[in-house]
Protein backbone atom coordinates (compact mmCIF):
# COMPACT_ATOMS: atom_id res chain seq x y z
CA UNK A 1 13.20 18.94 -14.58
CA UNK A 2 15.08 21.34 -12.14
CA UNK A 3 18.85 20.30 -10.80
CA UNK A 4 19.34 17.93 -7.81
CA UNK A 5 22.41 15.97 -6.45
CA UNK A 6 21.73 12.14 -6.56
CA UNK A 7 23.66 10.00 -4.12
CA UNK A 8 23.79 6.19 -4.37
CA UNK A 9 23.68 4.43 -1.26
CA UNK A 10 25.57 1.21 -0.58
CA UNK A 11 23.86 0.30 2.80
CA UNK A 12 20.83 1.68 4.69
CA UNK A 13 23.15 3.16 7.43
CA UNK A 14 24.47 5.12 4.46
CA UNK A 15 21.10 5.88 2.88
CA UNK A 16 20.03 7.22 6.63
CA UNK A 17 23.00 9.23 7.02
CA UNK A 18 23.02 11.03 3.74
CA UNK A 19 18.94 11.84 4.33
CA UNK A 20 19.53 13.24 7.92
CA UNK A 21 22.09 15.49 6.70
CA UNK A 22 20.65 16.45 3.28
CA UNK A 23 17.15 16.53 4.08
CA UNK A 24 16.75 14.94 0.80
CA UNK A 25 14.29 11.92 -0.22
CA UNK A 26 15.00 8.55 -0.66
CA UNK A 27 14.45 7.31 -4.36
CA UNK A 28 12.74 3.49 -4.70
CA UNK A 29 11.67 3.01 -7.98
CA UNK A 30 10.71 6.68 -8.97
CA UNK A 31 7.17 6.09 -10.31
CA UNK A 32 5.64 8.54 -7.93
CA UNK A 33 8.69 10.78 -6.91
CA UNK A 34 10.01 11.53 -10.35
CA UNK A 35 6.65 12.33 -11.89
CA UNK A 36 6.01 14.51 -8.72
CA UNK A 37 9.34 16.52 -9.43
CA UNK A 38 8.16 16.92 -13.12
CA UNK A 39 5.40 18.57 -11.88
CA UNK A 40 7.20 20.87 -9.39
CA UNK A 41 5.04 19.02 -6.64
CA UNK A 42 8.13 17.80 -5.10
CA UNK A 43 11.21 19.75 -5.15
CA UNK A 44 14.15 17.92 -3.29
CA UNK A 45 17.67 19.31 -3.74
CA UNK A 46 18.95 15.85 -3.13
CA UNK A 47 17.89 12.24 -4.26
CA UNK A 48 19.25 9.31 -2.50
CA UNK A 49 18.78 6.18 -4.58
CA UNK A 50 18.07 2.81 -2.68
CA UNK A 51 18.41 0.34 -5.79
CA UNK A 52 21.98 -0.83 -5.01
CA UNK A 53 21.05 -2.27 -1.30
CA UNK A 54 20.99 -5.81 -1.49
CA UNK A 55 19.56 -6.04 1.92
CA UNK A 56 16.18 -4.17 1.11
CA UNK A 57 15.45 -6.84 -1.85
CA UNK A 58 14.00 -10.16 -1.46
CA UNK A 59 10.55 -12.38 -0.11
CA UNK A 60 11.00 -15.14 2.50
CA UNK A 61 8.46 -16.99 4.73
CA UNK A 62 9.29 -16.28 8.19
CA UNK A 63 7.08 -18.63 10.33
CA UNK A 64 3.19 -17.38 10.00
CA UNK A 65 4.44 -14.38 7.92
CA UNK A 66 5.58 -13.44 4.32
CA UNK A 67 8.30 -10.74 4.73
CA UNK A 68 8.40 -8.46 1.64
CA UNK A 69 12.01 -6.52 1.10
CA UNK A 70 10.72 -2.80 0.80
CA UNK A 71 13.02 -2.85 -2.36
CA UNK A 72 11.08 -6.07 -3.83
CA UNK A 73 9.51 -4.85 -7.31
CA UNK A 74 5.43 -5.11 -7.65
CA UNK A 75 6.40 -7.74 -10.64
CA UNK A 76 8.68 -9.70 -8.37
CA UNK A 77 5.87 -9.76 -5.59
CA UNK A 78 3.36 -11.15 -8.47
CA UNK A 79 5.37 -13.83 -9.60
CA UNK A 80 6.94 -15.06 -6.16
CA UNK A 81 5.95 -18.60 -5.43
CA UNK A 82 5.92 -17.92 -1.86
CA UNK A 83 3.53 -15.37 -1.91
CA UNK A 84 1.41 -17.22 -4.37
CA UNK A 85 1.53 -20.30 -1.68
CA UNK A 86 1.11 -18.14 1.42
CA UNK A 87 -0.79 -15.28 0.71
CA UNK A 88 -1.73 -15.30 -3.04
CA UNK A 89 -3.92 -12.08 -2.43
CA UNK A 90 -0.74 -10.17 -2.43
CA UNK A 91 0.16 -11.23 -5.78
CA UNK A 92 -3.06 -10.09 -7.45
CA UNK A 93 -2.64 -6.90 -5.65
CA UNK A 94 1.00 -6.32 -7.33
CA UNK A 95 -0.50 -7.64 -10.69
CA UNK A 96 -3.17 -5.15 -10.84
CA UNK A 97 -1.04 -2.40 -10.43
CA UNK A 98 -0.34 0.16 -13.24
CA UNK A 99 0.87 -1.20 -16.03
CA UNK A 100 4.09 -3.46 -17.06
CA UNK A 101 6.64 -0.73 -16.57
CA UNK A 102 5.27 0.42 -13.44
CA UNK A 103 5.47 -3.01 -12.14
CA UNK A 104 8.54 -3.81 -13.01
CA UNK A 105 9.77 -0.36 -11.69
CA UNK A 106 7.80 0.48 -8.88
CA UNK A 107 8.57 -1.18 -5.61
CA UNK A 108 6.42 -2.20 -2.36
CA UNK A 109 8.15 0.11 0.16
CA UNK A 110 7.97 3.11 -2.31
CA UNK A 111 4.58 2.55 -2.70
CA UNK A 112 3.38 2.53 1.17
CA UNK A 113 6.22 5.61 1.81
CA UNK A 114 4.26 7.86 -0.86
CA UNK A 115 0.86 7.01 0.26
CA UNK A 116 -1.14 7.88 -2.67
CA UNK A 117 -4.69 8.13 -1.79
CA UNK A 118 -5.48 5.63 -4.21
CA UNK A 119 -2.68 3.57 -4.02
CA UNK A 120 -3.41 -0.48 -3.57
CA UNK A 121 -0.44 -1.52 -1.12
CA UNK A 122 -1.57 0.49 2.00
CA UNK A 123 -5.00 -1.33 1.97
CA UNK A 124 -3.20 -4.42 1.87
CA UNK A 125 -0.75 -3.54 4.37
CA UNK A 126 -3.61 -2.46 6.84
CA UNK A 127 -6.05 -4.78 5.37
CA UNK A 128 -3.73 -7.55 7.23
CA UNK A 129 -2.22 -5.75 9.99
CA UNK A 130 1.05 -5.82 8.41
CA UNK A 131 4.12 -4.37 10.14
CA UNK A 132 6.35 -2.08 8.66
CA UNK A 133 10.04 -2.30 9.28
CA UNK A 134 12.37 0.20 9.26
CA UNK A 135 16.00 0.91 10.37
CA UNK A 136 14.78 2.42 13.80
CA UNK A 137 11.72 0.58 14.72
CA UNK A 138 8.45 -1.61 13.57
CA UNK A 139 5.27 0.06 12.84
CA UNK A 140 1.80 -1.29 12.80
CA UNK A 141 -0.28 -0.65 9.85
CA UNK A 142 -2.73 1.10 12.28
CA UNK A 143 0.11 3.60 12.86
CA UNK A 144 1.68 3.76 9.70
CA UNK A 145 -0.69 6.06 7.70
CA UNK A 146 -1.50 9.10 8.75
CA UNK A 147 -2.86 11.23 5.90
CA UNK A 148 -2.81 12.14 2.20
CA UNK A 149 0.81 11.55 1.27
CA UNK A 150 1.84 11.53 5.10
CA UNK A 151 3.07 8.55 7.21
CA UNK A 152 4.74 7.83 10.22
CA UNK A 153 8.40 7.87 8.92
CA UNK A 154 10.91 10.47 10.13
CA UNK A 155 12.95 12.34 7.42
CA UNK A 156 16.01 9.91 7.96
CA UNK A 157 13.79 6.79 8.39
CA UNK A 158 14.15 3.86 5.84
CA UNK A 159 11.50 1.32 5.36
CA UNK A 160 13.76 -2.00 5.00
CA UNK A 161 10.72 -4.66 4.83
CA UNK A 162 6.83 -5.30 5.36
CA UNK A 163 5.62 -8.29 7.09
CA UNK A 164 2.33 -9.76 6.11
CA UNK A 165 0.82 -12.20 8.58
CA UNK A 166 -0.85 -15.09 6.66
CA UNK A 167 -4.82 -14.46 7.22
CA UNK A 168 -7.14 -16.83 7.16
CA UNK A 169 -9.04 -15.71 4.18
CA UNK A 170 -8.27 -12.50 2.22
CA UNK A 171 -9.53 -10.69 -0.98
CA UNK A 172 -9.02 -7.31 -2.79
CA UNK A 173 -11.27 -5.57 -5.20
CA UNK A 174 -11.05 -2.06 -6.82
CA UNK A 175 -12.93 -0.41 -9.21
CA UNK A 176 -9.83 0.99 -11.33
CA UNK A 177 -9.39 4.34 -13.02
CA UNK A 178 -9.20 2.75 -16.82
CA UNK A 179 -6.29 4.85 -17.66
CA UNK A 180 -4.05 5.00 -14.59
CA UNK A 181 -5.17 1.52 -12.80
CA UNK A 182 -5.40 3.35 -9.58
CA UNK A 183 -8.19 2.70 -7.45
CA UNK A 184 -11.16 4.86 -7.88
CA UNK A 185 -12.14 2.90 -4.86
CA UNK A 186 -10.29 -0.53 -3.55
CA UNK A 187 -11.38 -2.55 -0.97
CA UNK A 188 -9.53 -5.24 1.06
CA UNK A 189 -11.14 -7.74 3.15
CA UNK A 190 -9.46 -10.42 5.46
CA UNK A 191 -10.29 -12.95 8.43
CA UNK A 192 -7.23 -12.34 10.34
CA UNK A 193 -6.05 -14.12 13.73
CA UNK A 194 -7.54 -11.09 15.38
CA UNK A 195 -10.63 -10.67 13.60
CA UNK A 196 -12.27 -9.32 10.62
CA UNK A 197 -10.35 -6.34 8.83
CA UNK A 198 -11.59 -4.30 5.99
CA UNK A 199 -9.60 -1.54 4.53
CA UNK A 200 -10.55 1.12 1.61
CA UNK A 201 -8.32 3.13 -0.35
CA UNK A 202 -9.22 5.42 -3.17
CA UNK A 203 -12.13 6.68 -1.37
CA UNK A 204 -10.62 9.21 1.05
CA UNK A 205 -7.87 11.36 1.58
CA UNK A 206 -5.97 8.07 2.71
CA UNK A 207 -6.55 4.65 3.72
CA UNK A 208 -8.92 3.76 6.43
CA UNK A 209 -10.69 0.92 8.02
CA UNK A 210 -14.24 0.37 7.86
CA UNK A 211 -15.60 -0.47 11.42
CA UNK A 212 -19.25 -0.64 9.94
CA UNK A 213 -18.37 -3.41 7.80
CA UNK A 214 -15.82 -4.94 9.96
CA UNK A 215 -18.58 -5.12 12.52
CA UNK A 216 -21.20 -6.70 10.04
CA UNK A 217 -18.76 -8.88 8.88
CA UNK A 218 -17.49 -10.44 12.12
CA UNK A 219 -21.28 -11.59 12.67
CA UNK A 220 -21.76 -13.08 9.47
CA UNK A 221 -18.90 -13.40 6.65
CA UNK A 222 -20.84 -13.13 3.75
CA UNK A 223 -21.58 -10.85 0.62
CA UNK A 224 -25.17 -10.09 1.75
CA UNK A 225 -23.99 -8.76 5.24
CA UNK A 226 -21.35 -6.51 3.29
CA UNK A 227 -23.83 -5.24 0.84
CA UNK A 228 -26.37 -4.30 3.35
CA UNK A 229 -24.00 -1.74 5.20
CA UNK A 230 -24.74 1.73 4.94
CA UNK A 231 -21.58 3.62 4.22
CA UNK A 232 -21.45 6.97 5.57
CA UNK A 233 -20.36 9.32 2.51
CA UNK A 234 -18.86 12.34 4.74
CA UNK A 235 -15.44 12.86 4.26
CA UNK A 236 -15.10 10.71 0.98
CA UNK A 237 -13.58 12.21 -1.93
CA UNK A 238 -15.34 14.25 -4.80
CA UNK A 239 -13.68 14.39 -8.12
CA UNK A 240 -14.86 14.24 -11.90
CA UNK A 241 -14.79 10.45 -11.87
CA UNK A 242 -17.11 10.18 -8.81
CA UNK A 243 -19.29 11.71 -5.66
CA UNK A 244 -18.83 10.66 -2.19
CA UNK A 245 -22.43 9.09 -2.27
CA UNK A 246 -21.24 7.07 -5.26
CA UNK A 247 -18.11 6.39 -3.47
CA UNK A 248 -19.86 5.15 -0.18
CA UNK A 249 -22.36 3.21 -2.47
CA UNK A 250 -18.97 1.47 -3.96
CA UNK A 251 -17.43 0.52 -0.97
CA UNK A 252 -20.09 -1.55 0.29
CA UNK A 253 -20.65 -3.33 -3.35
CA UNK A 254 -16.83 -4.16 -3.80
CA UNK A 255 -16.40 -5.27 -0.10
CA UNK A 256 -19.44 -7.69 -1.20
CA UNK A 257 -17.52 -9.05 -4.13
CA UNK A 258 -14.20 -9.36 -1.92
CA UNK A 259 -16.18 -11.44 0.30
CA UNK A 260 -17.15 -13.42 -2.31
CA UNK A 261 -13.34 -13.70 -3.73
CA UNK A 262 -12.10 -14.48 -0.51
CA UNK A 263 -14.46 -17.78 -0.51
């Protein structure tokens, strides 16, 4: 590790001001950023610790949505009675992340701000058409994720919460890497108030919606309809774990399983 300055913010305004002045990075659970710093993939001169900001934590039901604070940890989401009652798929997403240490340290806001290509939360946010709330504005899920490790966030913008609309049906199924538990491919399927949404993670440089699957499931919300969709492999990831064609095949298979799990 190299030398850097650590600042503990007491309020969101304090954090944003320090980020704007220093050009540093916000530190949430540290499960992604600290590892990247050790490998010199990220080298911020200043870290702004958000862990002491109480207003960034907590879960509450707000009308037809569940609002989760950005600094709420994965383990807290998986164990939340409010989440399990209103949107149980989110508890399942949280429970499937990493190992116990990661779940007890990692946060919702940190995960989506990092936007790892194989992370689970981006699929849930996009699949449910959630709204990312920051200290400056509200950002629709379709406008938030821009590319590999890239989001719509400005340098001094801090995620404060994510508002998840309660769906009619939803499920998430992933094919996990056995070591990291990151998704080789993960598919989130939801019937929402605005129609069927299908979000895919792990298969491309960033989370994306699959229009062919959405169109097929809008006509027939069945496992057979999903499995029959031919996914184009162009632009999908290729690595030692699988080819683009393999990932394309997995997307349709996992989508069909998600439809079955949704009920």
